Amino acid sequence: MGIEKGAVLQEARVFNDPQLDARRCSQVITKLLYLLNQGETFTKVEATEVFFSVTKLFQSRDLGLRRMVYLIIKELSPSADEVIIVTSSLMKDMNSKTDMYRANAIRVLCRITDGTLLTQIERYLKQAIVDKNPVVASAALVSGIHLLQ
């Protein structure tokens, strides 16, 4: 599959469009994930630009696109400065009425967080563990186990 990093990074500009095309954004994220999983590395600048562009997609209500956003954020493994930026969006999703948002936000937050942010999300994790939705509770339990390791 002839996917070139430079071309995909150019395509990632679609994340900044005022009128989001969820399908197109999902396709570009898929290409980015493909590159990452093929061992392609992004420079710090490239990763930061993609990361901040992707965070703008939190405004979308498209469930498929939102799932892709969670995946790319996990894979980009943002630096501590960048984590702070996305933490508020993820915490907002943890309080969402949409169970899928809550479960995925828990997974991502636990994957990208470090010890300094752990105290901030502890309360949310405790609430999620006793959540009536088994998907949310399971995500919280598994994420808690990963944090302990």
N, C-alpha and C. Protein backbone atom coordinates (compact mmCIF):
# COMPACT_ATOMS: atom_id res chain seq x y z
N MET A 1 0.87 -1.18 0.00
CA MET A 1 0.00 0.00 0.00
C MET A 1 0.90 1.23 0.00
N GLY A 2 0.94 1.96 -1.07
CA GLY A 2 1.86 3.08 -1.22
C GLY A 2 1.43 4.34 -0.52
N ILE A 3 1.54 4.36 0.79
CA ILE A 3 1.18 5.55 1.55
C ILE A 3 2.47 6.27 1.94
N GLU A 4 2.57 7.52 1.56
CA GLU A 4 3.76 8.32 1.83
C GLU A 4 3.49 9.27 2.98
N LYS A 5 4.42 9.31 3.93
CA LYS A 5 4.25 10.11 5.14
C LYS A 5 3.98 11.58 4.82
N GLY A 6 4.76 12.16 3.93
CA GLY A 6 4.60 13.57 3.59
C GLY A 6 3.22 13.88 3.05
N ALA A 7 2.72 13.00 2.18
CA ALA A 7 1.39 13.21 1.59
C ALA A 7 0.30 13.11 2.66
N VAL A 8 0.45 12.16 3.57
CA VAL A 8 -0.56 12.00 4.63
C VAL A 8 -0.53 13.19 5.58
N LEU A 9 0.66 13.70 5.88
CA LEU A 9 0.75 14.88 6.74
C LEU A 9 0.10 16.09 6.08
N GLN A 10 0.22 16.18 4.75
CA GLN A 10 -0.47 17.25 4.02
C GLN A 10 -1.99 17.05 4.11
N GLU A 11 -2.42 15.81 3.96
CA GLU A 11 -3.85 15.50 4.05
C GLU A 11 -4.40 15.82 5.43
N ALA A 12 -3.56 15.74 6.45
CA ALA A 12 -4.01 15.98 7.82
C ALA A 12 -4.49 17.41 8.03
N ARG A 13 -4.24 18.26 7.08
CA ARG A 13 -4.75 19.64 7.17
C ARG A 13 -6.28 19.67 7.16
N VAL A 14 -6.88 18.58 6.72
CA VAL A 14 -8.35 18.49 6.70
C VAL A 14 -8.92 18.62 8.12
N PHE A 15 -8.11 18.31 9.13
CA PHE A 15 -8.56 18.42 10.52
C PHE A 15 -8.83 19.87 10.91
N ASN A 16 -8.21 20.80 10.20
CA ASN A 16 -8.35 22.22 10.51
C ASN A 16 -9.47 22.90 9.74
N ASP A 17 -10.12 22.18 8.83
CA ASP A 17 -11.20 22.78 8.05
C ASP A 17 -12.34 23.22 8.96
N PRO A 18 -12.93 24.39 8.67
CA PRO A 18 -14.04 24.86 9.50
C PRO A 18 -15.26 23.92 9.43
N GLN A 19 -15.50 23.35 8.27
CA GLN A 19 -16.60 22.40 8.10
C GLN A 19 -16.00 21.00 8.07
N LEU A 20 -16.11 20.28 9.20
CA LEU A 20 -15.49 18.97 9.30
C LEU A 20 -16.19 17.93 8.44
N ASP A 21 -15.39 17.17 7.72
CA ASP A 21 -15.88 16.02 6.96
C ASP A 21 -15.42 14.79 7.74
N ALA A 22 -16.33 14.22 8.54
CA ALA A 22 -15.98 13.13 9.45
C ALA A 22 -15.39 11.94 8.70
N ARG A 23 -15.94 11.63 7.56
CA ARG A 23 -15.46 10.48 6.79
C ARG A 23 -14.03 10.71 6.30
N ARG A 24 -13.78 11.88 5.79
CA ARG A 24 -12.44 12.22 5.29
C ARG A 24 -11.43 12.24 6.43
N CYS A 25 -11.81 12.82 7.56
CA CYS A 25 -10.92 12.87 8.73
C CYS A 25 -10.60 11.45 9.21
N SER A 26 -11.59 10.58 9.22
CA SER A 26 -11.37 9.19 9.64
C SER A 26 -10.40 8.49 8.70
N GLN A 27 -10.52 8.76 7.41
CA GLN A 27 -9.61 8.15 6.43
C GLN A 27 -8.17 8.60 6.67
N VAL A 28 -7.99 9.88 6.96
CA VAL A 28 -6.64 10.40 7.19
C VAL A 28 -6.07 9.82 8.48
N ILE A 29 -6.88 9.73 9.52
CA ILE A 29 -6.41 9.12 10.78
C ILE A 29 -6.03 7.66 10.54
N THR A 30 -6.82 6.96 9.74
CA THR A 30 -6.50 5.57 9.41
C THR A 30 -5.13 5.47 8.74
N LYS A 31 -4.85 6.39 7.83
CA LYS A 31 -3.54 6.39 7.16
C LYS A 31 -2.42 6.69 8.15
N LEU A 32 -2.66 7.64 9.06
CA LEU A 32 -1.66 7.96 10.08
C LEU A 32 -1.38 6.75 10.97
N LEU A 33 -2.45 6.07 11.38
CA LEU A 33 -2.29 4.87 12.21
C LEU A 33 -1.55 3.78 11.46
N TYR A 34 -1.85 3.65 10.17
CA TYR A 34 -1.16 2.67 9.34
C TYR A 34 0.34 2.95 9.32
N LEU A 35 0.69 4.21 9.09
CA LEU A 35 2.10 4.58 9.06
C LEU A 35 2.79 4.28 10.39
N LEU A 36 2.13 4.64 11.48
CA LEU A 36 2.71 4.39 12.81
C LEU A 36 2.90 2.90 13.05
N ASN A 37 1.93 2.10 12.65
CA ASN A 37 2.02 0.66 12.86
C ASN A 37 2.98 -0.03 11.91
N GLN A 38 3.37 0.65 10.85
CA GLN A 38 4.37 0.10 9.93
C GLN A 38 5.79 0.50 10.36
N GLY A 39 5.88 1.19 11.49
CA GLY A 39 7.20 1.56 12.02
C GLY A 39 7.67 2.94 11.61
N GLU A 40 6.83 3.67 10.90
CA GLU A 40 7.18 5.03 10.49
C GLU A 40 7.26 5.90 11.74
N THR A 41 8.25 6.77 11.79
CA THR A 41 8.37 7.67 12.94
C THR A 41 8.10 9.10 12.48
N PHE A 42 7.49 9.84 13.36
CA PHE A 42 7.24 11.25 13.10
C PHE A 42 8.23 12.06 13.92
N THR A 43 8.68 13.16 13.35
CA THR A 43 9.54 14.06 14.12
C THR A 43 8.69 14.68 15.22
N LYS A 44 9.33 15.28 16.19
CA LYS A 44 8.61 15.92 17.29
C LYS A 44 7.64 16.98 16.75
N VAL A 45 8.10 17.75 15.80
CA VAL A 45 7.27 18.81 15.22
C VAL A 45 6.07 18.21 14.49
N GLU A 46 6.30 17.18 13.69
CA GLU A 46 5.21 16.54 12.95
C GLU A 46 4.18 15.95 13.91
N ALA A 47 4.66 15.24 14.92
CA ALA A 47 3.75 14.62 15.89
C ALA A 47 2.94 15.67 16.63
N THR A 48 3.59 16.76 17.00
CA THR A 48 2.90 17.83 17.73
C THR A 48 1.84 18.49 16.85
N GLU A 49 2.18 18.75 15.59
CA GLU A 49 1.21 19.36 14.67
C GLU A 49 0.00 18.46 14.47
N VAL A 50 0.25 17.18 14.25
CA VAL A 50 -0.86 16.23 14.07
C VAL A 50 -1.69 16.15 15.34
N PHE A 51 -1.02 16.08 16.48
CA PHE A 51 -1.72 15.97 17.76
C PHE A 51 -2.67 17.15 17.97
N PHE A 52 -2.17 18.36 17.80
CA PHE A 52 -3.01 19.53 18.03
C PHE A 52 -4.13 19.64 16.99
N SER A 53 -3.86 19.22 15.77
CA SER A 53 -4.92 19.21 14.76
C SER A 53 -6.01 18.22 15.14
N VAL A 54 -5.59 17.05 15.63
CA VAL A 54 -6.55 16.00 16.00
C VAL A 54 -7.41 16.44 17.19
N THR A 55 -6.83 17.19 18.12
CA THR A 55 -7.62 17.61 19.29
C THR A 55 -8.80 18.48 18.88
N LYS A 56 -8.71 19.15 17.75
CA LYS A 56 -9.83 19.96 17.26
C LYS A 56 -11.02 19.09 16.88
N LEU A 57 -10.77 17.82 16.62
CA LEU A 57 -11.84 16.91 16.21
C LEU A 57 -12.74 16.49 17.37
N PHE A 58 -12.38 16.87 18.60
CA PHE A 58 -13.24 16.57 19.74
C PHE A 58 -14.58 17.28 19.62
N GLN A 59 -14.65 18.33 18.79
CA GLN A 59 -15.92 19.04 18.62
C GLN A 59 -16.92 18.24 17.78
N SER A 60 -16.44 17.22 17.08
CA SER A 60 -17.32 16.40 16.26
C SER A 60 -18.16 15.46 17.12
N ARG A 61 -19.40 15.25 16.73
CA ARG A 61 -20.29 14.33 17.44
C ARG A 61 -20.37 12.98 16.73
N ASP A 62 -19.62 12.82 15.64
CA ASP A 62 -19.62 11.58 14.89
C ASP A 62 -18.91 10.50 15.70
N LEU A 63 -19.63 9.42 16.03
CA LEU A 63 -19.08 8.37 16.89
C LEU A 63 -17.87 7.68 16.27
N GLY A 64 -17.93 7.40 14.99
CA GLY A 64 -16.81 6.74 14.31
C GLY A 64 -15.55 7.59 14.33
N LEU A 65 -15.72 8.87 14.04
CA LEU A 65 -14.57 9.78 14.05
C LEU A 65 -14.02 9.90 15.47
N ARG A 66 -14.90 9.99 16.44
CA ARG A 66 -14.44 10.13 17.83
C ARG A 66 -13.61 8.92 18.24
N ARG A 67 -14.01 7.74 17.82
CA ARG A 67 -13.23 6.53 18.14
C ARG A 67 -11.84 6.61 17.51
N MET A 68 -11.78 7.11 16.30
CA MET A 68 -10.49 7.26 15.62
C MET A 68 -9.61 8.29 16.34
N VAL A 69 -10.23 9.35 16.84
CA VAL A 69 -9.49 10.37 17.59
C VAL A 69 -8.85 9.75 18.83
N TYR A 70 -9.62 8.93 19.55
CA TYR A 70 -9.07 8.27 20.73
C TYR A 70 -7.88 7.39 20.35
N LEU A 71 -8.00 6.65 19.26
CA LEU A 71 -6.92 5.76 18.83
C LEU A 71 -5.64 6.52 18.47
N ILE A 72 -5.78 7.59 17.71
CA ILE A 72 -4.59 8.32 17.27
C ILE A 72 -3.92 9.02 18.45
N ILE A 73 -4.69 9.52 19.39
CA ILE A 73 -4.10 10.16 20.57
C ILE A 73 -3.30 9.14 21.38
N LYS A 74 -3.86 7.94 21.53
CA LYS A 74 -3.13 6.89 22.25
C LYS A 74 -1.83 6.54 21.53
N GLU A 75 -1.88 6.45 20.22
CA GLU A 75 -0.70 6.03 19.46
C GLU A 75 0.37 7.10 19.36
N LEU A 76 -0.04 8.36 19.36
CA LEU A 76 0.95 9.44 19.26
C LEU A 76 1.71 9.62 20.56
N SER A 77 1.20 9.08 21.66
CA SER A 77 1.85 9.20 22.97
C SER A 77 2.38 10.61 23.20
N PRO A 78 1.47 11.54 23.43
CA PRO A 78 1.87 12.94 23.54
C PRO A 78 2.80 13.20 24.73
N SER A 79 3.55 14.30 24.63
CA SER A 79 4.44 14.71 25.72
C SER A 79 3.60 15.29 26.86
N ALA A 80 4.24 15.53 27.99
CA ALA A 80 3.53 16.02 29.17
C ALA A 80 2.79 17.34 28.91
N ASP A 81 3.43 18.24 28.15
CA ASP A 81 2.78 19.52 27.85
C ASP A 81 1.52 19.32 27.03
N GLU A 82 1.57 18.41 26.08
CA GLU A 82 0.43 18.15 25.21
C GLU A 82 -0.68 17.41 25.95
N VAL A 83 -0.31 16.54 26.88
CA VAL A 83 -1.30 15.78 27.64
C VAL A 83 -2.22 16.73 28.39
N ILE A 84 -1.65 17.78 28.95
CA ILE A 84 -2.46 18.74 29.71
C ILE A 84 -3.53 19.36 28.83
N ILE A 85 -3.20 19.62 27.58
CA ILE A 85 -4.15 20.22 26.64
C ILE A 85 -5.34 19.30 26.40
N VAL A 86 -5.09 18.03 26.19
CA VAL A 86 -6.16 17.09 25.82
C VAL A 86 -6.88 16.53 27.05
N THR A 87 -6.28 16.66 28.22
CA THR A 87 -6.88 16.10 29.43
C THR A 87 -8.27 16.67 29.69
N SER A 88 -8.45 17.96 29.49
CA SER A 88 -9.76 18.56 29.77
C SER A 88 -10.83 17.99 28.84
N SER A 89 -10.48 17.77 27.58
CA SER A 89 -11.45 17.18 26.64
C SER A 89 -11.79 15.75 27.04
N LEU A 90 -10.77 15.00 27.45
CA LEU A 90 -11.00 13.61 27.86
C LEU A 90 -11.82 13.54 29.15
N MET A 91 -11.55 14.44 30.08
CA MET A 91 -12.33 14.45 31.33
C MET A 91 -13.78 14.83 31.06
N LYS A 92 -13.97 15.74 30.11
CA LYS A 92 -15.34 16.10 29.73
C LYS A 92 -16.05 14.87 29.16
N ASP A 93 -15.33 14.10 28.34
CA ASP A 93 -15.91 12.88 27.78
C ASP A 93 -16.17 11.83 28.86
N MET A 94 -15.36 11.82 29.91
CA MET A 94 -15.57 10.87 31.00
C MET A 94 -16.88 11.15 31.73
N ASN A 95 -17.35 12.39 31.64
CA ASN A 95 -18.61 12.77 32.28
C ASN A 95 -19.77 12.80 31.30
N SER A 96 -19.53 12.38 30.09
CA SER A 96 -20.55 12.40 29.05
C SER A 96 -21.66 11.39 29.35
N LYS A 97 -22.81 11.63 28.75
CA LYS A 97 -23.91 10.66 28.87
C LYS A 97 -23.72 9.50 27.89
N THR A 98 -22.84 9.67 26.92
CA THR A 98 -22.57 8.62 25.93
C THR A 98 -21.54 7.65 26.50
N ASP A 99 -21.98 6.40 26.71
CA ASP A 99 -21.12 5.40 27.34
C ASP A 99 -19.84 5.14 26.55
N MET A 100 -19.94 5.15 25.22
CA MET A 100 -18.76 4.91 24.41
C MET A 100 -17.71 5.99 24.63
N TYR A 101 -18.14 7.24 24.76
CA TYR A 101 -17.20 8.33 25.03
C TYR A 101 -16.51 8.08 26.36
N ARG A 102 -17.31 7.72 27.37
CA ARG A 102 -16.74 7.54 28.72
C ARG A 102 -15.72 6.41 28.74
N ALA A 103 -16.07 5.27 28.18
CA ALA A 103 -15.16 4.12 28.20
C ALA A 103 -13.86 4.42 27.45
N ASN A 104 -13.97 5.00 26.27
CA ASN A 104 -12.76 5.29 25.49
C ASN A 104 -11.92 6.39 26.10
N ALA A 105 -12.57 7.40 26.68
CA ALA A 105 -11.82 8.48 27.34
C ALA A 105 -11.01 7.92 28.50
N ILE A 106 -11.59 6.99 29.25
CA ILE A 106 -10.87 6.36 30.37
C ILE A 106 -9.65 5.62 29.85
N ARG A 107 -9.83 4.85 28.80
CA ARG A 107 -8.72 4.07 28.24
C ARG A 107 -7.57 4.98 27.78
N VAL A 108 -7.93 6.04 27.06
CA VAL A 108 -6.91 6.94 26.53
C VAL A 108 -6.22 7.70 27.65
N LEU A 109 -7.00 8.22 28.57
CA LEU A 109 -6.43 9.02 29.66
C LEU A 109 -5.46 8.19 30.49
N CYS A 110 -5.81 6.97 30.77
CA CYS A 110 -4.92 6.11 31.55
C CYS A 110 -3.68 5.72 30.76
N ARG A 111 -3.78 5.69 29.46
CA ARG A 111 -2.63 5.33 28.63
C ARG A 111 -1.63 6.48 28.52
N ILE A 112 -2.13 7.73 28.47
CA ILE A 112 -1.24 8.86 28.22
C ILE A 112 -0.85 9.62 29.48
N THR A 113 -1.50 9.33 30.60
CA THR A 113 -1.25 10.10 31.81
C THR A 113 0.02 9.66 32.51
N ASP A 114 0.57 10.57 33.29
CA ASP A 114 1.72 10.23 34.12
C ASP A 114 1.33 10.42 35.59
N GLY A 115 2.27 10.26 36.47
CA GLY A 115 1.98 10.32 37.90
C GLY A 115 1.40 11.63 38.37
N THR A 116 1.76 12.74 37.73
CA THR A 116 1.28 14.04 38.17
C THR A 116 -0.21 14.23 37.91
N LEU A 117 -0.71 13.63 36.85
CA LEU A 117 -2.13 13.77 36.52
C LEU A 117 -2.99 12.69 37.15
N LEU A 118 -2.35 11.70 37.72
CA LEU A 118 -3.07 10.56 38.27
C LEU A 118 -4.05 10.97 39.36
N THR A 119 -3.64 11.91 40.20
CA THR A 119 -4.53 12.34 41.28
C THR A 119 -5.77 13.04 40.74
N GLN A 120 -5.64 13.71 39.59
CA GLN A 120 -6.78 14.39 38.99
C GLN A 120 -7.83 13.41 38.46
N ILE A 121 -7.37 12.27 37.94
CA ILE A 121 -8.32 11.34 37.33
C ILE A 121 -8.77 10.23 38.28
N GLU A 122 -8.17 10.17 39.46
CA GLU A 122 -8.49 9.10 40.40
C GLU A 122 -9.99 9.05 40.72
N ARG A 123 -10.57 10.21 41.00
CA ARG A 123 -12.00 10.26 41.34
C ARG A 123 -12.86 9.74 40.19
N TYR A 124 -12.51 10.13 38.97
CA TYR A 124 -13.27 9.68 37.80
C TYR A 124 -13.17 8.17 37.62
N LEU A 125 -11.97 7.64 37.87
CA LEU A 125 -11.79 6.19 37.76
C LEU A 125 -12.63 5.44 38.79
N LYS A 126 -12.64 5.95 40.01
CA LYS A 126 -13.42 5.30 41.07
C LYS A 126 -14.91 5.30 40.72
N GLN A 127 -15.39 6.41 40.18
CA GLN A 127 -16.79 6.49 39.76
C GLN A 127 -17.07 5.51 38.63
N ALA A 128 -16.14 5.42 37.70
CA ALA A 128 -16.34 4.56 36.53
C ALA A 128 -16.33 3.09 36.90
N ILE A 129 -15.55 2.71 37.90
CA ILE A 129 -15.48 1.30 38.31
C ILE A 129 -16.83 0.80 38.79
N VAL A 130 -17.61 1.66 39.42
CA VAL A 130 -18.93 1.26 39.92
C VAL A 130 -20.06 1.71 38.99
N ASP A 131 -19.72 2.08 37.77
CA ASP A 131 -20.73 2.52 36.80
C ASP A 131 -21.68 1.38 36.47
N LYS A 132 -22.93 1.74 36.20
CA LYS A 132 -23.94 0.71 35.89
C LYS A 132 -23.72 0.07 34.51
N ASN A 133 -22.99 0.76 33.65
CA ASN A 133 -22.70 0.20 32.32
C ASN A 133 -21.46 -0.68 32.41
N PRO A 134 -21.57 -1.95 32.04
CA PRO A 134 -20.43 -2.86 32.17
C PRO A 134 -19.23 -2.49 31.28
N VAL A 135 -19.48 -1.84 30.16
CA VAL A 135 -18.38 -1.44 29.28
C VAL A 135 -17.52 -0.37 29.96
N VAL A 136 -18.18 0.59 30.60
CA VAL A 136 -17.46 1.66 31.29
C VAL A 136 -16.72 1.09 32.50
N ALA A 137 -17.39 0.25 33.28
CA ALA A 137 -16.76 -0.35 34.46
C ALA A 137 -15.57 -1.21 34.06
N SER A 138 -15.72 -1.98 33.01
CA SER A 138 -14.63 -2.83 32.52
C SER A 138 -13.44 -1.99 32.05
N ALA A 139 -13.72 -0.92 31.33
CA ALA A 139 -12.65 -0.03 30.86
C ALA A 139 -11.89 0.56 32.04
N ALA A 140 -12.62 0.95 33.07
CA ALA A 140 -11.98 1.53 34.26
C ALA A 140 -11.12 0.49 34.99
N LEU A 141 -11.65 -0.71 35.13
CA LEU A 141 -10.89 -1.77 35.82
C LEU A 141 -9.61 -2.13 35.07
N VAL A 142 -9.74 -2.36 33.78
CA VAL A 142 -8.57 -2.73 32.98
C VAL A 142 -7.55 -1.58 32.95
N SER A 143 -8.04 -0.36 32.83
CA SER A 143 -7.14 0.79 32.81
C SER A 143 -6.43 0.94 34.15
N GLY A 144 -7.15 0.69 35.24
CA GLY A 144 -6.54 0.73 36.57
C GLY A 144 -5.43 -0.29 36.70
N ILE A 145 -5.66 -1.48 36.18
CA ILE A 145 -4.63 -2.53 36.21
C ILE A 145 -3.40 -2.09 35.42
N HIS A 146 -3.63 -1.48 34.25
CA HIS A 146 -2.50 -1.01 33.44
C HIS A 146 -1.72 0.09 34.16
N LEU A 147 -2.42 0.93 34.91
CA LEU A 147 -1.74 1.99 35.65
C LEU A 147 -0.85 1.41 36.74
N LEU A 148 -1.27 0.30 37.33
CA LEU A 148 -0.49 -0.33 38.40
C LEU A 148 0.77 -1.00 37.88
N GLN A 149 0.79 -1.36 36.62
CA GLN A 149 1.95 -2.08 36.06
C GLN A 149 3.09 -1.17 35.70
